[in-house]
Amino acid sequence: PRSTLSSSSAASAVYKGQTLIYAQDYLKSIDSCLKEKDIVCEVGSGSGLLSALINEKKKTTNILIDIPDVLLTAISLIFTLFPNKVFLLPNEIKELSLPINFNQYDFIFLTPDMTHYVQNESVKLGINTQSFMEMDMIEVDNYLNYFEKIILDKGYFFCSNSCLLYTSPSPRDKRQ
């Protein structure tokens, strides 16, 4: 059965604004779950720093999923840190025959509309840190179901997010 790992919200609060420090802390939490060539999928990857650290230490294949504007940040950082790694970019996916052999890449960058390219039960570790809290509950639920499909039976899910409690209606509640 799949296992869920989590980081305390207290720890998250301590690292607010210190991306490198919390990424290193998260890596310590998940280190024992991974071995070389495992596939890791991070939804809401932001800068891509956590996936970069995981790949550097464990030599994994890392799938990063984020909205296009943010994904550009991750692509820029990871290209700079690892110029000799093998990358698959969103615009290159449609040229490949299915199913895609992700094991031949070090980093795969996908936008949310491309999640279907990841095969069911192919991922050893699914990750979400600090982005579920920015999504609507329906979107979070969809991603949780997505992780349930793509993570191996003996795989793991790591999640660290803060919760905000509203005592009055939020401006977000007024969206159309």
N, C-alpha and C. Protein backbone atom coordinates (compact mmCIF):
# COMPACT_ATOMS: atom_id res chain seq x y z
N PRO A 1 0.82 -1.20 0.00
CA PRO A 1 0.00 0.00 0.00
C PRO A 1 0.86 1.26 0.00
N ARG A 2 0.30 2.31 -0.59
CA ARG A 2 1.01 3.59 -0.65
C ARG A 2 1.11 4.19 0.74
N SER A 3 2.17 4.93 0.97
CA SER A 3 2.37 5.60 2.25
C SER A 3 2.35 7.09 2.04
N THR A 4 1.83 7.82 3.00
CA THR A 4 1.82 9.27 2.94
C THR A 4 2.79 9.81 3.97
N LEU A 5 3.67 10.67 3.50
CA LEU A 5 4.62 11.35 4.37
C LEU A 5 4.18 12.80 4.44
N SER A 6 4.39 13.44 5.55
CA SER A 6 4.02 14.85 5.62
C SER A 6 5.01 15.59 6.50
N SER A 7 5.01 16.89 6.31
CA SER A 7 5.84 17.76 7.13
C SER A 7 4.91 18.61 7.96
N SER A 8 5.30 18.88 9.17
CA SER A 8 4.42 19.65 10.05
C SER A 8 4.28 21.08 9.56
N SER A 9 3.10 21.66 9.77
CA SER A 9 2.89 23.04 9.37
C SER A 9 3.76 23.98 10.20
N ALA A 10 4.13 23.57 11.40
CA ALA A 10 5.03 24.40 12.22
C ALA A 10 6.38 24.51 11.54
N ALA A 11 6.87 23.40 11.00
CA ALA A 11 8.15 23.44 10.29
C ALA A 11 8.03 24.32 9.06
N SER A 12 6.90 24.25 8.36
CA SER A 12 6.70 25.07 7.18
C SER A 12 6.74 26.55 7.52
N ALA A 13 6.13 26.91 8.64
CA ALA A 13 6.11 28.30 9.05
C ALA A 13 7.52 28.81 9.35
N VAL A 14 8.36 27.96 9.93
CA VAL A 14 9.72 28.35 10.26
C VAL A 14 10.50 28.70 8.99
N TYR A 15 10.25 27.99 7.89
CA TYR A 15 11.03 28.16 6.68
C TYR A 15 10.44 29.15 5.69
N LYS A 16 9.39 29.83 6.05
CA LYS A 16 8.74 30.74 5.13
C LYS A 16 9.76 31.72 4.56
N GLY A 17 9.86 31.75 3.25
CA GLY A 17 10.80 32.64 2.60
C GLY A 17 12.22 32.07 2.50
N GLN A 18 12.44 30.85 2.95
CA GLN A 18 13.76 30.24 2.93
C GLN A 18 13.71 28.94 2.13
N THR A 19 13.47 29.07 0.84
CA THR A 19 13.22 27.94 -0.03
C THR A 19 14.30 26.86 0.05
N LEU A 20 15.55 27.25 0.02
CA LEU A 20 16.63 26.26 0.06
C LEU A 20 16.61 25.47 1.35
N ILE A 21 16.37 26.13 2.46
CA ILE A 21 16.39 25.45 3.76
C ILE A 21 15.25 24.43 3.85
N TYR A 22 14.04 24.82 3.46
CA TYR A 22 12.96 23.84 3.58
C TYR A 22 13.09 22.73 2.55
N ALA A 23 13.65 23.04 1.36
CA ALA A 23 13.86 21.98 0.37
C ALA A 23 14.85 20.95 0.90
N GLN A 24 15.90 21.41 1.58
CA GLN A 24 16.86 20.48 2.18
C GLN A 24 16.20 19.65 3.29
N ASP A 25 15.35 20.29 4.08
CA ASP A 25 14.63 19.57 5.15
C ASP A 25 13.69 18.52 4.56
N TYR A 26 12.97 18.89 3.51
CA TYR A 26 12.08 17.94 2.85
C TYR A 26 12.88 16.76 2.30
N LEU A 27 14.04 17.04 1.71
CA LEU A 27 14.87 15.98 1.16
C LEU A 27 15.27 14.99 2.25
N LYS A 28 15.59 15.48 3.43
CA LYS A 28 15.92 14.58 4.55
C LYS A 28 14.73 13.68 4.88
N SER A 29 13.52 14.22 4.78
CA SER A 29 12.32 13.45 5.12
C SER A 29 12.03 12.34 4.12
N ILE A 30 12.38 12.55 2.86
CA ILE A 30 12.03 11.58 1.82
C ILE A 30 13.20 10.74 1.33
N ASP A 31 14.40 11.05 1.78
CA ASP A 31 15.61 10.42 1.29
C ASP A 31 15.55 8.89 1.31
N SER A 32 15.06 8.33 2.39
CA SER A 32 15.06 6.86 2.52
C SER A 32 14.02 6.18 1.61
N CYS A 33 13.13 6.96 1.03
CA CYS A 33 12.08 6.39 0.17
C CYS A 33 12.53 6.18 -1.27
N LEU A 34 13.68 6.74 -1.63
CA LEU A 34 14.09 6.76 -3.03
C LEU A 34 15.41 6.06 -3.27
N LYS A 35 15.51 5.52 -4.50
CA LYS A 35 16.78 4.99 -4.97
C LYS A 35 17.00 5.48 -6.40
N GLU A 36 18.17 5.23 -6.91
CA GLU A 36 18.53 5.68 -8.24
C GLU A 36 17.53 5.19 -9.29
N LYS A 37 17.21 6.07 -10.21
CA LYS A 37 16.30 5.81 -11.35
C LYS A 37 14.82 5.76 -10.97
N ASP A 38 14.47 5.99 -9.72
CA ASP A 38 13.04 6.10 -9.37
C ASP A 38 12.46 7.32 -10.08
N ILE A 39 11.17 7.26 -10.34
CA ILE A 39 10.49 8.41 -10.94
C ILE A 39 9.78 9.17 -9.84
N VAL A 40 10.02 10.48 -9.83
CA VAL A 40 9.43 11.40 -8.85
C VAL A 40 8.57 12.39 -9.61
N CYS A 41 7.36 12.65 -9.13
CA CYS A 41 6.47 13.63 -9.77
C CYS A 41 6.09 14.69 -8.75
N GLU A 42 6.45 15.94 -9.05
CA GLU A 42 6.14 17.05 -8.16
C GLU A 42 5.13 17.97 -8.83
N VAL A 43 3.96 18.08 -8.23
CA VAL A 43 2.91 18.98 -8.72
C VAL A 43 3.04 20.30 -7.96
N GLY A 44 3.03 21.41 -8.70
CA GLY A 44 3.22 22.71 -8.08
C GLY A 44 4.68 22.87 -7.69
N SER A 45 5.56 22.57 -8.61
CA SER A 45 6.99 22.50 -8.31
C SER A 45 7.65 23.85 -8.09
N GLY A 46 6.99 24.92 -8.45
CA GLY A 46 7.57 26.25 -8.22
C GLY A 46 8.91 26.38 -8.91
N SER A 47 9.93 26.80 -8.17
CA SER A 47 11.26 27.02 -8.74
C SER A 47 11.93 25.73 -9.21
N GLY A 48 11.45 24.59 -8.72
CA GLY A 48 12.05 23.31 -9.08
C GLY A 48 13.23 22.92 -8.21
N LEU A 49 13.47 23.70 -7.17
CA LEU A 49 14.63 23.46 -6.31
C LEU A 49 14.58 22.10 -5.61
N LEU A 50 13.43 21.72 -5.08
CA LEU A 50 13.34 20.42 -4.41
C LEU A 50 13.63 19.28 -5.39
N SER A 51 13.03 19.32 -6.56
CA SER A 51 13.29 18.28 -7.57
C SER A 51 14.76 18.27 -7.98
N ALA A 52 15.37 19.45 -8.06
CA ALA A 52 16.80 19.53 -8.40
C ALA A 52 17.65 18.85 -7.32
N LEU A 53 17.34 19.11 -6.07
CA LEU A 53 18.09 18.49 -4.97
C LEU A 53 17.91 16.97 -4.97
N ILE A 54 16.68 16.53 -5.19
CA ILE A 54 16.40 15.08 -5.23
C ILE A 54 17.21 14.42 -6.34
N ASN A 55 17.16 15.03 -7.53
CA ASN A 55 17.87 14.46 -8.67
C ASN A 55 19.38 14.44 -8.43
N GLU A 56 19.90 15.49 -7.86
CA GLU A 56 21.34 15.57 -7.62
C GLU A 56 21.79 14.48 -6.63
N LYS A 57 21.02 14.27 -5.60
CA LYS A 57 21.41 13.29 -4.57
C LYS A 57 21.08 11.85 -4.96
N LYS A 58 19.93 11.63 -5.57
CA LYS A 58 19.45 10.26 -5.80
C LYS A 58 19.48 9.81 -7.26
N LYS A 59 19.80 10.71 -8.19
CA LYS A 59 19.86 10.37 -9.62
C LYS A 59 18.52 9.82 -10.12
N THR A 60 17.45 10.49 -9.73
CA THR A 60 16.10 10.10 -10.10
C THR A 60 15.68 10.75 -11.42
N THR A 61 14.58 10.30 -11.95
CA THR A 61 13.90 10.98 -13.05
C THR A 61 12.83 11.85 -12.40
N ASN A 62 12.82 13.13 -12.70
CA ASN A 62 11.91 14.05 -12.04
C ASN A 62 10.94 14.69 -13.02
N ILE A 63 9.65 14.53 -12.74
CA ILE A 63 8.58 15.16 -13.52
C ILE A 63 8.10 16.36 -12.71
N LEU A 64 8.15 17.54 -13.31
CA LEU A 64 7.70 18.76 -12.66
C LEU A 64 6.46 19.26 -13.37
N ILE A 65 5.38 19.46 -12.63
CA ILE A 65 4.12 19.94 -13.19
C ILE A 65 3.77 21.26 -12.54
N ASP A 66 3.58 22.28 -13.37
CA ASP A 66 3.18 23.59 -12.85
C ASP A 66 2.60 24.42 -13.98
N ILE A 67 2.00 25.55 -13.63
CA ILE A 67 1.43 26.43 -14.64
C ILE A 67 2.58 27.00 -15.48
N PRO A 68 2.32 27.34 -16.74
CA PRO A 68 3.40 27.72 -17.66
C PRO A 68 4.33 28.83 -17.15
N ASP A 69 3.80 29.90 -16.60
CA ASP A 69 4.66 30.99 -16.15
C ASP A 69 5.63 30.55 -15.07
N VAL A 70 5.16 29.73 -14.14
CA VAL A 70 6.02 29.25 -13.05
C VAL A 70 6.97 28.17 -13.56
N LEU A 71 6.49 27.33 -14.47
CA LEU A 71 7.33 26.27 -15.03
C LEU A 71 8.57 26.85 -15.71
N LEU A 72 8.43 28.02 -16.32
CA LEU A 72 9.58 28.67 -16.94
C LEU A 72 10.69 28.96 -15.93
N THR A 73 10.29 29.30 -14.71
CA THR A 73 11.27 29.54 -13.64
C THR A 73 12.03 28.26 -13.33
N ALA A 74 11.30 27.15 -13.19
CA ALA A 74 11.94 25.86 -12.90
C ALA A 74 12.86 25.44 -14.04
N ILE A 75 12.40 25.60 -15.26
CA ILE A 75 13.22 25.25 -16.42
C ILE A 75 14.51 26.06 -16.42
N SER A 76 14.40 27.36 -16.18
CA SER A 76 15.59 28.23 -16.15
C SER A 76 16.58 27.81 -15.07
N LEU A 77 16.08 27.57 -13.87
CA LEU A 77 16.95 27.17 -12.76
C LEU A 77 17.63 25.84 -13.04
N ILE A 78 16.85 24.85 -13.45
CA ILE A 78 17.40 23.50 -13.62
C ILE A 78 18.34 23.43 -14.83
N PHE A 79 18.04 24.17 -15.90
CA PHE A 79 18.98 24.23 -17.03
C PHE A 79 20.30 24.85 -16.59
N THR A 80 20.24 25.85 -15.72
CA THR A 80 21.44 26.52 -15.24
C THR A 80 22.25 25.62 -14.32
N LEU A 81 21.57 24.93 -13.41
CA LEU A 81 22.26 24.05 -12.47
C LEU A 81 22.83 22.79 -13.12
N PHE A 82 22.10 22.26 -14.10
CA PHE A 82 22.46 20.96 -14.70
C PHE A 82 22.48 21.04 -16.23
N PRO A 83 23.43 21.76 -16.81
CA PRO A 83 23.42 21.91 -18.28
C PRO A 83 23.61 20.61 -19.04
N ASN A 84 24.14 19.57 -18.40
CA ASN A 84 24.42 18.31 -19.09
C ASN A 84 23.37 17.23 -18.86
N LYS A 85 22.30 17.55 -18.15
CA LYS A 85 21.22 16.58 -17.93
C LYS A 85 20.35 16.49 -19.18
N VAL A 86 19.50 15.48 -19.22
CA VAL A 86 18.60 15.28 -20.36
C VAL A 86 17.21 15.76 -19.97
N PHE A 87 16.66 16.67 -20.78
CA PHE A 87 15.39 17.33 -20.48
C PHE A 87 14.33 17.00 -21.53
N LEU A 88 13.08 16.99 -21.07
CA LEU A 88 11.94 16.91 -21.97
C LEU A 88 11.04 18.10 -21.64
N LEU A 89 10.87 18.98 -22.62
CA LEU A 89 10.09 20.20 -22.44
C LEU A 89 8.67 20.01 -22.95
N PRO A 90 7.74 20.82 -22.44
CA PRO A 90 6.33 20.67 -22.85
C PRO A 90 6.12 20.71 -24.36
N ASN A 91 6.84 21.56 -25.06
CA ASN A 91 6.64 21.68 -26.51
C ASN A 91 7.21 20.49 -27.28
N GLU A 92 7.98 19.63 -26.64
CA GLU A 92 8.57 18.46 -27.30
C GLU A 92 7.73 17.20 -27.15
N ILE A 93 6.80 17.20 -26.24
CA ILE A 93 6.03 15.99 -25.90
C ILE A 93 5.20 15.48 -27.07
N LYS A 94 4.54 16.38 -27.77
CA LYS A 94 3.63 15.96 -28.83
C LYS A 94 4.33 15.27 -29.99
N GLU A 95 5.65 15.47 -30.10
CA GLU A 95 6.43 14.85 -31.17
C GLU A 95 6.79 13.40 -30.86
N LEU A 96 6.60 12.97 -29.62
CA LEU A 96 7.01 11.63 -29.20
C LEU A 96 5.87 10.63 -29.34
N SER A 97 6.24 9.38 -29.55
CA SER A 97 5.21 8.35 -29.61
C SER A 97 4.88 7.90 -28.19
N LEU A 98 3.65 7.50 -28.00
CA LEU A 98 3.17 7.08 -26.68
C LEU A 98 3.32 5.57 -26.53
N PRO A 99 3.52 5.06 -25.35
CA PRO A 99 3.78 5.80 -24.12
C PRO A 99 5.21 6.33 -24.11
N ILE A 100 5.42 7.42 -23.43
CA ILE A 100 6.74 8.05 -23.35
C ILE A 100 7.58 7.32 -22.30
N ASN A 101 8.79 7.00 -22.67
CA ASN A 101 9.72 6.36 -21.74
C ASN A 101 10.42 7.46 -20.92
N PHE A 102 9.85 7.80 -19.79
CA PHE A 102 10.39 8.88 -18.96
C PHE A 102 11.76 8.53 -18.39
N ASN A 103 12.10 7.27 -18.32
CA ASN A 103 13.39 6.87 -17.75
C ASN A 103 14.59 7.35 -18.56
N GLN A 104 14.38 7.76 -19.78
CA GLN A 104 15.50 8.24 -20.59
C GLN A 104 15.79 9.73 -20.35
N TYR A 105 15.03 10.36 -19.45
CA TYR A 105 15.22 11.78 -19.13
C TYR A 105 15.57 11.96 -17.66
N ASP A 106 16.24 13.06 -17.38
CA ASP A 106 16.49 13.44 -15.99
C ASP A 106 15.37 14.32 -15.47
N PHE A 107 14.88 15.23 -16.33
CA PHE A 107 13.81 16.16 -15.94
C PHE A 107 12.79 16.25 -17.06
N ILE A 108 11.51 16.12 -16.68
CA ILE A 108 10.39 16.27 -17.60
C ILE A 108 9.53 17.40 -17.07
N PHE A 109 9.24 18.37 -17.91
CA PHE A 109 8.45 19.53 -17.51
C PHE A 109 7.09 19.47 -18.20
N LEU A 110 6.02 19.48 -17.39
CA LEU A 110 4.66 19.38 -17.92
C LEU A 110 3.80 20.51 -17.37
N THR A 111 2.84 20.94 -18.17
CA THR A 111 1.82 21.87 -17.70
C THR A 111 0.63 21.04 -17.21
N PRO A 112 -0.27 21.63 -16.43
CA PRO A 112 -1.39 20.85 -15.87
C PRO A 112 -2.25 20.12 -16.91
N ASP A 113 -2.33 20.64 -18.12
CA ASP A 113 -3.13 19.97 -19.15
C ASP A 113 -2.40 18.78 -19.77
N MET A 114 -1.19 18.49 -19.32
CA MET A 114 -0.39 17.40 -19.88
C MET A 114 -0.20 16.24 -18.90
N THR A 115 -0.93 16.26 -17.80
CA THR A 115 -0.73 15.22 -16.78
C THR A 115 -1.03 13.82 -17.30
N HIS A 116 -1.85 13.72 -18.32
CA HIS A 116 -2.22 12.40 -18.86
C HIS A 116 -1.04 11.67 -19.50
N TYR A 117 0.07 12.35 -19.73
CA TYR A 117 1.25 11.69 -20.30
C TYR A 117 1.98 10.81 -19.29
N VAL A 118 1.70 10.98 -18.02
CA VAL A 118 2.34 10.15 -16.98
C VAL A 118 1.50 8.88 -16.84
N GLN A 119 2.14 7.74 -17.02
CA GLN A 119 1.42 6.48 -16.97
C GLN A 119 0.99 6.14 -15.54
N ASN A 120 -0.14 5.46 -15.43
CA ASN A 120 -0.61 4.99 -14.13
C ASN A 120 0.43 4.06 -13.51
N GLU A 121 0.54 4.13 -12.19
CA GLU A 121 1.44 3.31 -11.41
C GLU A 121 2.88 3.29 -11.95
N SER A 122 3.39 4.49 -12.26
CA SER A 122 4.76 4.60 -12.77
C SER A 122 5.66 5.44 -11.86
N VAL A 123 5.09 6.08 -10.86
CA VAL A 123 5.82 7.04 -10.03
C VAL A 123 6.09 6.45 -8.65
N LYS A 124 7.32 6.54 -8.19
CA LYS A 124 7.68 6.05 -6.85
C LYS A 124 7.28 7.05 -5.77
N LEU A 125 7.47 8.36 -6.05
CA LEU A 125 7.18 9.39 -5.07
C LEU A 125 6.44 10.55 -5.72
N GLY A 126 5.26 10.86 -5.18
CA GLY A 126 4.52 12.05 -5.59
C GLY A 126 4.73 13.13 -4.53
N ILE A 127 4.86 14.36 -4.97
CA ILE A 127 5.16 15.46 -4.05
C ILE A 127 4.26 16.66 -4.32
N ASN A 128 3.80 17.28 -3.24
CA ASN A 128 3.22 18.62 -3.31
C ASN A 128 3.66 19.37 -2.07
N THR A 129 4.34 20.48 -2.28
CA THR A 129 4.73 21.34 -1.15
C THR A 129 4.32 22.77 -1.45
N GLN A 130 3.58 23.33 -0.57
CA GLN A 130 3.22 24.75 -0.58
C GLN A 130 2.46 25.21 -1.83
N SER A 131 1.75 24.31 -2.51
CA SER A 131 0.93 24.80 -3.62
C SER A 131 -0.53 24.37 -3.54
N PHE A 132 -0.83 23.27 -2.84
CA PHE A 132 -2.24 22.91 -2.66
C PHE A 132 -2.98 24.05 -1.96
N MET A 133 -2.27 24.74 -1.09
CA MET A 133 -2.92 25.82 -0.33
C MET A 133 -3.30 27.00 -1.23
N GLU A 134 -2.78 27.03 -2.46
CA GLU A 134 -3.11 28.10 -3.41
C GLU A 134 -4.22 27.69 -4.38
N MET A 135 -4.66 26.45 -4.28
CA MET A 135 -5.65 25.91 -5.22
C MET A 135 -7.03 25.81 -4.59
N ASP A 136 -8.04 25.78 -5.46
CA ASP A 136 -9.40 25.50 -5.01
C ASP A 136 -9.47 24.04 -4.57
N MET A 137 -10.39 23.72 -3.68
CA MET A 137 -10.51 22.36 -3.16
C MET A 137 -10.78 21.33 -4.26
N ILE A 138 -11.53 21.70 -5.27
CA ILE A 138 -11.80 20.77 -6.38
C ILE A 138 -10.50 20.41 -7.09
N GLU A 139 -9.65 21.41 -7.30
CA GLU A 139 -8.36 21.19 -7.95
C GLU A 139 -7.46 20.29 -7.08
N VAL A 140 -7.44 20.54 -5.78
CA VAL A 140 -6.66 19.72 -4.86
C VAL A 140 -7.17 18.28 -4.90
N ASP A 141 -8.48 18.11 -4.86
CA ASP A 141 -9.07 16.77 -4.91
C ASP A 141 -8.69 16.06 -6.20
N ASN A 142 -8.72 16.79 -7.32
CA ASN A 142 -8.32 16.19 -8.61
C ASN A 142 -6.87 15.73 -8.59
N TYR A 143 -6.00 16.54 -8.01
CA TYR A 143 -4.58 16.15 -7.93
C TYR A 143 -4.36 14.99 -6.97
N LEU A 144 -5.10 14.95 -5.88
CA LEU A 144 -4.98 13.80 -4.96
C LEU A 144 -5.40 12.51 -5.67
N ASN A 145 -6.48 12.58 -6.44
CA ASN A 145 -6.91 11.42 -7.23
C ASN A 145 -5.87 11.06 -8.29
N TYR A 146 -5.27 12.08 -8.88
CA TYR A 146 -4.22 11.88 -9.87
C TYR A 146 -3.03 11.13 -9.26
N PHE A 147 -2.59 11.61 -8.10
CA PHE A 147 -1.48 10.93 -7.41
C PHE A 147 -1.85 9.48 -7.09
N GLU A 148 -3.07 9.25 -6.69
CA GLU A 148 -3.53 7.88 -6.38
C GLU A 148 -3.37 6.97 -7.60
N LYS A 149 -3.57 7.51 -8.79
CA LYS A 149 -3.46 6.72 -10.02
C LYS A 149 -2.01 6.49 -10.44
N ILE A 150 -1.17 7.52 -10.33
CA ILE A 150 0.17 7.40 -10.91
C ILE A 150 1.21 6.81 -9.97
N ILE A 151 0.96 6.86 -8.66
CA ILE A 151 1.96 6.34 -7.70
C ILE A 151 1.87 4.82 -7.63
N LEU A 152 3.03 4.19 -7.65
CA LEU A 152 3.13 2.74 -7.53
C LEU A 152 2.47 2.25 -6.25
N ASP A 153 2.06 1.00 -6.26
CA ASP A 153 1.43 0.41 -5.07
C ASP A 153 2.34 0.51 -3.84
N LYS A 154 3.63 0.35 -4.03
CA LYS A 154 4.59 0.46 -2.93
C LYS A 154 5.28 1.83 -2.95
N GLY A 155 4.58 2.84 -3.47
CA GLY A 155 5.14 4.18 -3.57
C GLY A 155 4.74 5.08 -2.42
N TYR A 156 5.12 6.34 -2.53
CA TYR A 156 4.91 7.30 -1.45
C TYR A 156 4.35 8.61 -1.98
N PHE A 157 3.66 9.32 -1.10
CA PHE A 157 3.19 10.67 -1.39
C PHE A 157 3.66 11.58 -0.26
N PHE A 158 4.37 12.65 -0.61
CA PHE A 158 4.87 13.61 0.38
C PHE A 158 4.13 14.93 0.17
N CYS A 159 3.57 15.46 1.26
CA CYS A 159 2.79 16.68 1.17
C CYS A 159 3.11 17.59 2.35
N SER A 160 3.35 18.85 2.08
CA SER A 160 3.54 19.84 3.13
C SER A 160 2.88 21.14 2.68
N ASN A 161 1.81 21.49 3.33
CA ASN A 161 1.05 22.70 3.00
C ASN A 161 0.53 23.33 4.27
N SER A 162 0.31 24.61 4.22
CA SER A 162 -0.31 25.31 5.34
C SER A 162 -1.80 25.43 5.07
N CYS A 163 -2.57 25.62 6.12
CA CYS A 163 -4.00 25.82 5.98
C CYS A 163 -4.35 27.21 6.49
N LEU A 164 -5.23 27.86 5.78
CA LEU A 164 -5.73 29.14 6.24
C LEU A 164 -7.18 28.97 6.64
N LEU A 165 -7.54 29.46 7.80
CA LEU A 165 -8.91 29.39 8.26
C LEU A 165 -9.52 30.78 8.18
N TYR A 166 -10.67 30.88 7.56
CA TYR A 166 -11.34 32.17 7.42
C TYR A 166 -12.49 32.26 8.41
N THR A 167 -12.58 33.39 9.07
CA THR A 167 -13.70 33.61 9.98
C THR A 167 -14.80 34.39 9.30
N SER A 168 -14.51 34.94 8.14
CA SER A 168 -15.53 35.64 7.35
C SER A 168 -15.30 35.25 5.90
N PRO A 169 -16.27 35.53 5.05
CA PRO A 169 -16.12 35.13 3.64
C PRO A 169 -14.83 35.71 3.05
N SER A 170 -14.17 34.90 2.28
CA SER A 170 -12.92 35.28 1.63
C SER A 170 -13.21 35.92 0.28
N PRO A 171 -12.33 36.81 -0.20
CA PRO A 171 -12.49 37.33 -1.56
C PRO A 171 -12.50 36.21 -2.59
N ARG A 172 -11.80 35.10 -2.29
CA ARG A 172 -11.77 33.97 -3.20
C ARG A 172 -13.14 33.35 -3.39
N ASP A 173 -14.01 33.47 -2.34
CA ASP A 173 -15.34 32.88 -2.41
C ASP A 173 -16.23 33.60 -3.41
N LYS A 174 -15.83 34.79 -3.83
CA LYS A 174 -16.68 35.60 -4.73
C LYS A 174 -16.33 35.43 -6.18
N ARG A 175 -15.38 34.54 -6.50
CA ARG A 175 -15.02 34.32 -7.90
C ARG A 175 -16.19 33.71 -8.66
N GLN A 176 -16.26 34.06 -9.91
CA GLN A 176 -17.32 33.51 -10.78
C GLN A 176 -16.88 32.21 -11.37
